Amino acid sequence: MMRDENAPELDGKYLGTITSDFVKISDILKEASYQIRSRKFSEYPIFPISKEMQPIGKIFIGKAEKDLDWNYFITYLDEFIQRKLIGEDTIQDFQNAYKDPDEFCCLFVIDGAFTSFVYIPYPND
């Protein structure tokens, strides 16, 4: 189930730890997003994040590696469609809601049963 990216649960419970992590690795995520798009893997890079290991995407930055609260994985829209996390009928909605990947990082927060897409702006250079 997808929730609104500005859902109150997200604001209070997650945003602080996600933001403190993001500051440390935003350049790495931005470069990875650029590489996915420039190599034509996908126009829709997604970074699932979870405190535990999880099966979506490949591990990209482990939390212990950079002293983070979250593990960062890397994937893109096609895997979400293959896993039926985004249904055929909602692909267009996802693409329309997807923010400019040069300016925003698309995170997919996974915490137990809670999941949500979140777009976090990259810091200005």
N, C-alpha and C. Protein backbone atom coordinates (compact mmCIF):
# COMPACT_ATOMS: atom_id res chain seq x y z
N MET A 1 0.84 -1.18 0.00
CA MET A 1 0.00 0.00 0.00
C MET A 1 0.88 1.24 0.00
N MET A 2 0.62 2.15 -0.89
CA MET A 2 1.40 3.37 -0.96
C MET A 2 0.68 4.48 -0.22
N ARG A 3 1.45 5.28 0.47
CA ARG A 3 0.86 6.37 1.23
C ARG A 3 1.33 7.70 0.65
N ASP A 4 0.62 8.72 1.03
CA ASP A 4 1.00 10.07 0.62
C ASP A 4 2.41 10.37 1.13
N GLU A 5 3.22 10.98 0.27
CA GLU A 5 4.60 11.23 0.66
C GLU A 5 4.73 12.18 1.85
N ASN A 6 3.68 12.92 2.17
CA ASN A 6 3.73 13.83 3.31
C ASN A 6 2.89 13.32 4.47
N ALA A 7 2.69 12.02 4.54
CA ALA A 7 1.89 11.43 5.60
C ALA A 7 2.48 11.79 6.96
N PRO A 8 1.62 12.08 7.95
CA PRO A 8 2.12 12.50 9.25
C PRO A 8 3.03 11.47 9.91
N GLU A 9 2.76 10.15 9.71
CA GLU A 9 3.62 9.13 10.32
C GLU A 9 5.05 9.33 9.85
N LEU A 10 5.19 9.69 8.60
CA LEU A 10 6.52 9.85 8.04
C LEU A 10 7.23 11.05 8.66
N ASP A 11 6.52 12.16 8.74
CA ASP A 11 7.13 13.39 9.25
C ASP A 11 7.77 13.16 10.61
N GLY A 12 6.97 12.71 11.56
CA GLY A 12 7.48 12.60 12.91
C GLY A 12 8.46 11.47 13.10
N LYS A 13 8.06 10.29 12.68
CA LYS A 13 8.79 9.09 13.04
C LYS A 13 10.08 8.88 12.24
N TYR A 14 10.08 9.29 10.99
CA TYR A 14 11.19 8.91 10.11
C TYR A 14 12.04 10.07 9.59
N LEU A 15 11.43 11.21 9.41
CA LEU A 15 12.12 12.26 8.67
C LEU A 15 13.46 12.67 9.28
N GLY A 16 13.55 12.73 10.61
CA GLY A 16 14.81 13.13 11.24
C GLY A 16 15.95 12.20 10.92
N THR A 17 15.75 10.88 11.09
CA THR A 17 16.84 9.94 10.84
C THR A 17 17.15 9.84 9.34
N ILE A 18 16.11 9.93 8.52
CA ILE A 18 16.34 9.87 7.08
C ILE A 18 17.15 11.09 6.65
N THR A 19 16.78 12.26 7.14
CA THR A 19 17.48 13.48 6.76
C THR A 19 18.93 13.48 7.23
N SER A 20 19.17 13.01 8.46
CA SER A 20 20.56 13.02 8.95
C SER A 20 21.42 12.05 8.15
N ASP A 21 20.85 10.91 7.75
CA ASP A 21 21.57 9.98 6.86
C ASP A 21 21.81 10.62 5.50
N PHE A 22 20.76 11.21 4.95
CA PHE A 22 20.77 11.71 3.59
C PHE A 22 21.88 12.75 3.37
N VAL A 23 22.07 13.60 4.36
CA VAL A 23 23.11 14.63 4.27
C VAL A 23 24.48 13.98 4.04
N LYS A 24 24.72 12.85 4.69
CA LYS A 24 26.03 12.19 4.61
C LYS A 24 26.28 11.54 3.24
N ILE A 25 25.20 11.09 2.57
CA ILE A 25 25.40 10.28 1.36
C ILE A 25 24.67 10.80 0.13
N SER A 26 24.13 12.01 0.21
CA SER A 26 23.34 12.53 -0.91
C SER A 26 24.15 12.59 -2.21
N ASP A 27 25.44 12.94 -2.13
CA ASP A 27 26.26 13.01 -3.35
C ASP A 27 26.39 11.64 -4.01
N ILE A 28 26.55 10.60 -3.17
CA ILE A 28 26.68 9.24 -3.69
C ILE A 28 25.38 8.80 -4.36
N LEU A 29 24.25 9.10 -3.70
CA LEU A 29 22.94 8.73 -4.26
C LEU A 29 22.66 9.49 -5.55
N LYS A 30 23.01 10.76 -5.57
CA LYS A 30 22.77 11.58 -6.76
C LYS A 30 23.58 11.05 -7.95
N GLU A 31 24.83 10.69 -7.70
CA GLU A 31 25.68 10.14 -8.76
C GLU A 31 25.13 8.80 -9.25
N ALA A 32 24.68 7.95 -8.33
CA ALA A 32 24.12 6.65 -8.71
C ALA A 32 22.86 6.83 -9.56
N SER A 33 22.02 7.78 -9.16
CA SER A 33 20.80 8.08 -9.92
C SER A 33 21.17 8.53 -11.34
N TYR A 34 22.17 9.40 -11.42
CA TYR A 34 22.63 9.88 -12.72
C TYR A 34 23.14 8.72 -13.58
N GLN A 35 23.92 7.82 -12.98
CA GLN A 35 24.48 6.69 -13.73
C GLN A 35 23.37 5.76 -14.25
N ILE A 36 22.38 5.49 -13.42
CA ILE A 36 21.26 4.63 -13.85
C ILE A 36 20.57 5.24 -15.07
N ARG A 37 20.38 6.56 -15.03
CA ARG A 37 19.69 7.23 -16.13
C ARG A 37 20.58 7.38 -17.35
N SER A 38 21.85 7.74 -17.16
CA SER A 38 22.73 7.96 -18.31
C SER A 38 23.06 6.66 -19.03
N ARG A 39 23.06 5.56 -18.29
CA ARG A 39 23.32 4.25 -18.91
C ARG A 39 22.04 3.60 -19.42
N LYS A 40 20.95 4.34 -19.36
CA LYS A 40 19.65 3.92 -19.91
C LYS A 40 19.06 2.67 -19.24
N PHE A 41 19.42 2.42 -17.96
CA PHE A 41 18.78 1.32 -17.23
C PHE A 41 17.33 1.71 -16.95
N SER A 42 17.12 2.97 -16.55
CA SER A 42 15.77 3.42 -16.21
C SER A 42 15.79 4.93 -16.05
N GLU A 43 14.65 5.55 -16.33
CA GLU A 43 14.47 6.97 -16.05
C GLU A 43 13.98 7.17 -14.62
N TYR A 44 13.74 6.05 -13.91
CA TYR A 44 13.11 6.12 -12.59
C TYR A 44 13.91 5.34 -11.53
N PRO A 45 15.08 5.88 -11.13
CA PRO A 45 15.84 5.22 -10.07
C PRO A 45 15.07 5.33 -8.75
N ILE A 46 15.14 4.26 -7.95
CA ILE A 46 14.50 4.23 -6.64
C ILE A 46 15.51 3.66 -5.65
N PHE A 47 15.58 4.28 -4.48
CA PHE A 47 16.47 3.82 -3.42
C PHE A 47 15.63 3.32 -2.24
N PRO A 48 15.35 2.01 -2.17
CA PRO A 48 14.66 1.49 -0.99
C PRO A 48 15.57 1.64 0.22
N ILE A 49 15.00 2.02 1.35
CA ILE A 49 15.78 2.09 2.58
C ILE A 49 15.07 1.30 3.67
N SER A 50 15.86 0.61 4.48
CA SER A 50 15.31 -0.23 5.53
C SER A 50 16.37 -0.40 6.61
N LYS A 51 15.92 -0.56 7.85
CA LYS A 51 16.89 -0.77 8.93
C LYS A 51 17.38 -2.21 8.93
N GLU A 52 16.60 -3.10 8.34
CA GLU A 52 16.96 -4.51 8.22
C GLU A 52 17.31 -4.79 6.76
N MET A 53 17.86 -5.97 6.50
CA MET A 53 18.05 -6.37 5.10
C MET A 53 16.67 -6.69 4.54
N GLN A 54 16.47 -6.45 3.26
CA GLN A 54 15.18 -6.71 2.62
C GLN A 54 15.45 -7.05 1.16
N PRO A 55 14.48 -7.64 0.46
CA PRO A 55 14.75 -8.21 -0.87
C PRO A 55 14.63 -7.26 -2.08
N ILE A 56 14.20 -6.02 -1.88
CA ILE A 56 13.97 -5.15 -3.04
C ILE A 56 15.26 -4.43 -3.41
N GLY A 57 15.69 -4.61 -4.64
CA GLY A 57 16.92 -3.97 -5.09
C GLY A 57 18.15 -4.70 -4.58
N LYS A 58 19.29 -4.05 -4.76
CA LYS A 58 20.56 -4.60 -4.28
C LYS A 58 21.09 -3.65 -3.21
N ILE A 59 21.76 -4.22 -2.21
CA ILE A 59 22.34 -3.36 -1.18
C ILE A 59 23.33 -2.42 -1.84
N PHE A 60 23.26 -1.16 -1.50
CA PHE A 60 24.10 -0.14 -2.11
C PHE A 60 25.04 0.46 -1.06
N ILE A 61 24.47 0.92 0.07
CA ILE A 61 25.28 1.43 1.16
C ILE A 61 24.71 0.83 2.45
N GLY A 62 25.50 0.00 3.10
CA GLY A 62 25.08 -0.58 4.37
C GLY A 62 25.18 0.45 5.48
N LYS A 63 24.28 0.37 6.45
CA LYS A 63 24.28 1.38 7.52
C LYS A 63 25.58 1.39 8.32
N ALA A 64 26.21 0.23 8.51
CA ALA A 64 27.47 0.18 9.27
C ALA A 64 28.62 0.82 8.50
N GLU A 65 28.52 0.73 7.17
CA GLU A 65 29.59 1.23 6.29
C GLU A 65 29.83 2.73 6.47
N LYS A 66 28.76 3.49 6.66
CA LYS A 66 28.88 4.95 6.74
C LYS A 66 28.29 5.51 8.04
N ASP A 67 28.08 4.64 9.04
CA ASP A 67 27.49 5.06 10.30
C ASP A 67 26.12 5.73 10.08
N LEU A 68 25.22 4.98 9.45
CA LEU A 68 23.89 5.47 9.12
C LEU A 68 22.84 4.73 9.94
N ASP A 69 21.63 5.28 9.97
CA ASP A 69 20.51 4.60 10.63
C ASP A 69 19.83 3.60 9.70
N TRP A 70 19.97 3.80 8.40
CA TRP A 70 19.26 2.99 7.41
C TRP A 70 20.24 2.33 6.44
N ASN A 71 19.86 1.16 5.92
CA ASN A 71 20.55 0.53 4.80
C ASN A 71 19.93 1.11 3.53
N TYR A 72 20.77 1.41 2.56
CA TYR A 72 20.30 1.96 1.28
C TYR A 72 20.49 0.92 0.19
N PHE A 73 19.42 0.67 -0.53
CA PHE A 73 19.41 -0.28 -1.64
C PHE A 73 19.22 0.52 -2.92
N ILE A 74 19.46 -0.13 -4.04
CA ILE A 74 19.33 0.58 -5.32
C ILE A 74 18.56 -0.29 -6.30
N THR A 75 17.61 0.31 -6.97
CA THR A 75 16.82 -0.38 -7.98
C THR A 75 16.13 0.67 -8.84
N TYR A 76 15.13 0.25 -9.59
CA TYR A 76 14.37 1.20 -10.40
C TYR A 76 12.97 0.66 -10.64
N LEU A 77 12.18 1.47 -11.31
CA LEU A 77 10.76 1.21 -11.48
C LEU A 77 10.45 -0.22 -11.95
N ASP A 78 11.23 -0.75 -12.89
CA ASP A 78 10.93 -2.09 -13.45
C ASP A 78 10.81 -3.16 -12.37
N GLU A 79 11.68 -3.13 -11.36
CA GLU A 79 11.60 -4.14 -10.31
C GLU A 79 10.30 -4.00 -9.52
N PHE A 80 9.88 -2.77 -9.27
CA PHE A 80 8.62 -2.55 -8.54
C PHE A 80 7.43 -3.09 -9.33
N ILE A 81 7.50 -2.98 -10.65
CA ILE A 81 6.44 -3.52 -11.51
C ILE A 81 6.50 -5.05 -11.50
N GLN A 82 7.70 -5.62 -11.66
CA GLN A 82 7.86 -7.07 -11.67
C GLN A 82 7.39 -7.70 -10.36
N ARG A 83 7.67 -7.02 -9.24
CA ARG A 83 7.27 -7.55 -7.93
C ARG A 83 5.81 -7.21 -7.59
N LYS A 84 5.15 -6.51 -8.52
CA LYS A 84 3.76 -6.11 -8.34
C LYS A 84 3.57 -5.18 -7.14
N LEU A 85 4.61 -4.40 -6.83
CA LEU A 85 4.50 -3.36 -5.81
C LEU A 85 3.86 -2.11 -6.41
N ILE A 86 4.01 -1.98 -7.72
CA ILE A 86 3.31 -0.95 -8.49
C ILE A 86 2.55 -1.72 -9.56
N GLY A 87 1.24 -1.61 -9.52
CA GLY A 87 0.39 -2.34 -10.47
C GLY A 87 0.42 -1.72 -11.85
N GLU A 88 0.09 -2.54 -12.84
CA GLU A 88 0.06 -2.05 -14.23
C GLU A 88 -0.82 -0.80 -14.35
N ASP A 89 -1.90 -0.76 -13.57
CA ASP A 89 -2.84 0.35 -13.65
C ASP A 89 -2.33 1.61 -12.95
N THR A 90 -1.25 1.51 -12.18
CA THR A 90 -0.75 2.70 -11.47
C THR A 90 0.63 3.15 -11.94
N ILE A 91 1.17 2.52 -12.98
CA ILE A 91 2.50 2.91 -13.50
C ILE A 91 2.49 4.38 -13.92
N GLN A 92 1.47 4.76 -14.67
CA GLN A 92 1.39 6.15 -15.15
C GLN A 92 1.29 7.13 -13.98
N ASP A 93 0.53 6.77 -12.95
CA ASP A 93 0.41 7.64 -11.76
C ASP A 93 1.78 7.81 -11.10
N PHE A 94 2.53 6.69 -10.99
CA PHE A 94 3.86 6.76 -10.40
C PHE A 94 4.76 7.68 -11.23
N GLN A 95 4.75 7.48 -12.55
CA GLN A 95 5.60 8.28 -13.43
C GLN A 95 5.24 9.76 -13.36
N ASN A 96 3.94 10.05 -13.26
CA ASN A 96 3.50 11.44 -13.16
C ASN A 96 3.93 12.08 -11.84
N ALA A 97 3.93 11.29 -10.76
CA ALA A 97 4.28 11.80 -9.43
C ALA A 97 5.79 11.87 -9.21
N TYR A 98 6.56 11.13 -10.04
CA TYR A 98 8.01 11.05 -9.86
C TYR A 98 8.62 12.43 -10.08
N LYS A 99 9.39 12.89 -9.11
CA LYS A 99 9.97 14.23 -9.19
C LYS A 99 11.30 14.21 -9.94
N ASP A 100 11.70 15.36 -10.45
CA ASP A 100 12.93 15.51 -11.24
C ASP A 100 14.12 14.84 -10.52
N PRO A 101 14.67 13.76 -11.11
CA PRO A 101 15.73 13.02 -10.44
C PRO A 101 17.07 13.76 -10.34
N ASP A 102 17.20 14.89 -11.03
CA ASP A 102 18.39 15.71 -10.85
C ASP A 102 18.27 16.56 -9.58
N GLU A 103 17.04 16.74 -9.11
CA GLU A 103 16.80 17.59 -7.94
C GLU A 103 16.33 16.82 -6.71
N PHE A 104 15.67 15.66 -6.93
CA PHE A 104 15.11 14.90 -5.83
C PHE A 104 15.55 13.44 -5.87
N CYS A 105 15.74 12.87 -4.68
CA CYS A 105 16.04 11.46 -4.55
C CYS A 105 14.75 10.74 -4.19
N CYS A 106 14.42 9.68 -4.94
CA CYS A 106 13.24 8.88 -4.66
C CYS A 106 13.63 7.75 -3.71
N LEU A 107 13.20 7.87 -2.46
CA LEU A 107 13.43 6.82 -1.47
C LEU A 107 12.15 6.01 -1.32
N PHE A 108 12.29 4.74 -1.02
CA PHE A 108 11.15 3.88 -0.69
C PHE A 108 11.42 3.37 0.72
N VAL A 109 10.75 3.96 1.70
CA VAL A 109 10.97 3.64 3.10
C VAL A 109 10.25 2.33 3.44
N ILE A 110 10.99 1.39 4.02
CA ILE A 110 10.42 0.11 4.45
C ILE A 110 10.72 -0.04 5.93
N ASP A 111 9.68 -0.10 6.74
CA ASP A 111 9.85 -0.30 8.18
C ASP A 111 8.72 -1.22 8.64
N GLY A 112 9.02 -2.50 8.72
CA GLY A 112 7.97 -3.48 9.04
C GLY A 112 6.90 -3.43 7.97
N ALA A 113 5.65 -3.25 8.37
CA ALA A 113 4.54 -3.21 7.41
C ALA A 113 4.38 -1.84 6.77
N PHE A 114 5.07 -0.83 7.31
CA PHE A 114 4.95 0.52 6.77
C PHE A 114 5.86 0.68 5.56
N THR A 115 5.30 1.15 4.45
CA THR A 115 6.09 1.48 3.27
C THR A 115 5.60 2.80 2.71
N SER A 116 6.50 3.58 2.18
CA SER A 116 6.11 4.87 1.60
C SER A 116 7.21 5.38 0.67
N PHE A 117 6.81 5.95 -0.46
CA PHE A 117 7.75 6.67 -1.31
C PHE A 117 7.94 8.05 -0.70
N VAL A 118 9.18 8.53 -0.70
CA VAL A 118 9.50 9.85 -0.19
C VAL A 118 10.48 10.48 -1.17
N TYR A 119 10.25 11.74 -1.50
CA TYR A 119 11.18 12.48 -2.36
C TYR A 119 11.90 13.50 -1.49
N ILE A 120 13.22 13.40 -1.45
CA ILE A 120 14.04 14.32 -0.66
C ILE A 120 14.90 15.12 -1.62
N PRO A 121 14.85 16.46 -1.48
CA PRO A 121 15.67 17.28 -2.38
C PRO A 121 17.16 17.11 -2.07
N TYR A 122 17.94 17.03 -3.15
CA TYR A 122 19.40 17.02 -2.96
C TYR A 122 19.82 18.41 -2.50
N PRO A 123 20.84 18.48 -1.64
CA PRO A 123 21.33 19.81 -1.23
C PRO A 123 21.85 20.56 -2.47
N ASN A 124 21.69 21.86 -2.46
CA ASN A 124 22.22 22.66 -3.58
C ASN A 124 23.74 22.65 -3.50
N ASP A 125 24.35 22.51 -4.66
CA ASP A 125 25.83 22.44 -4.69
C ASP A 125 26.46 23.76 -4.27
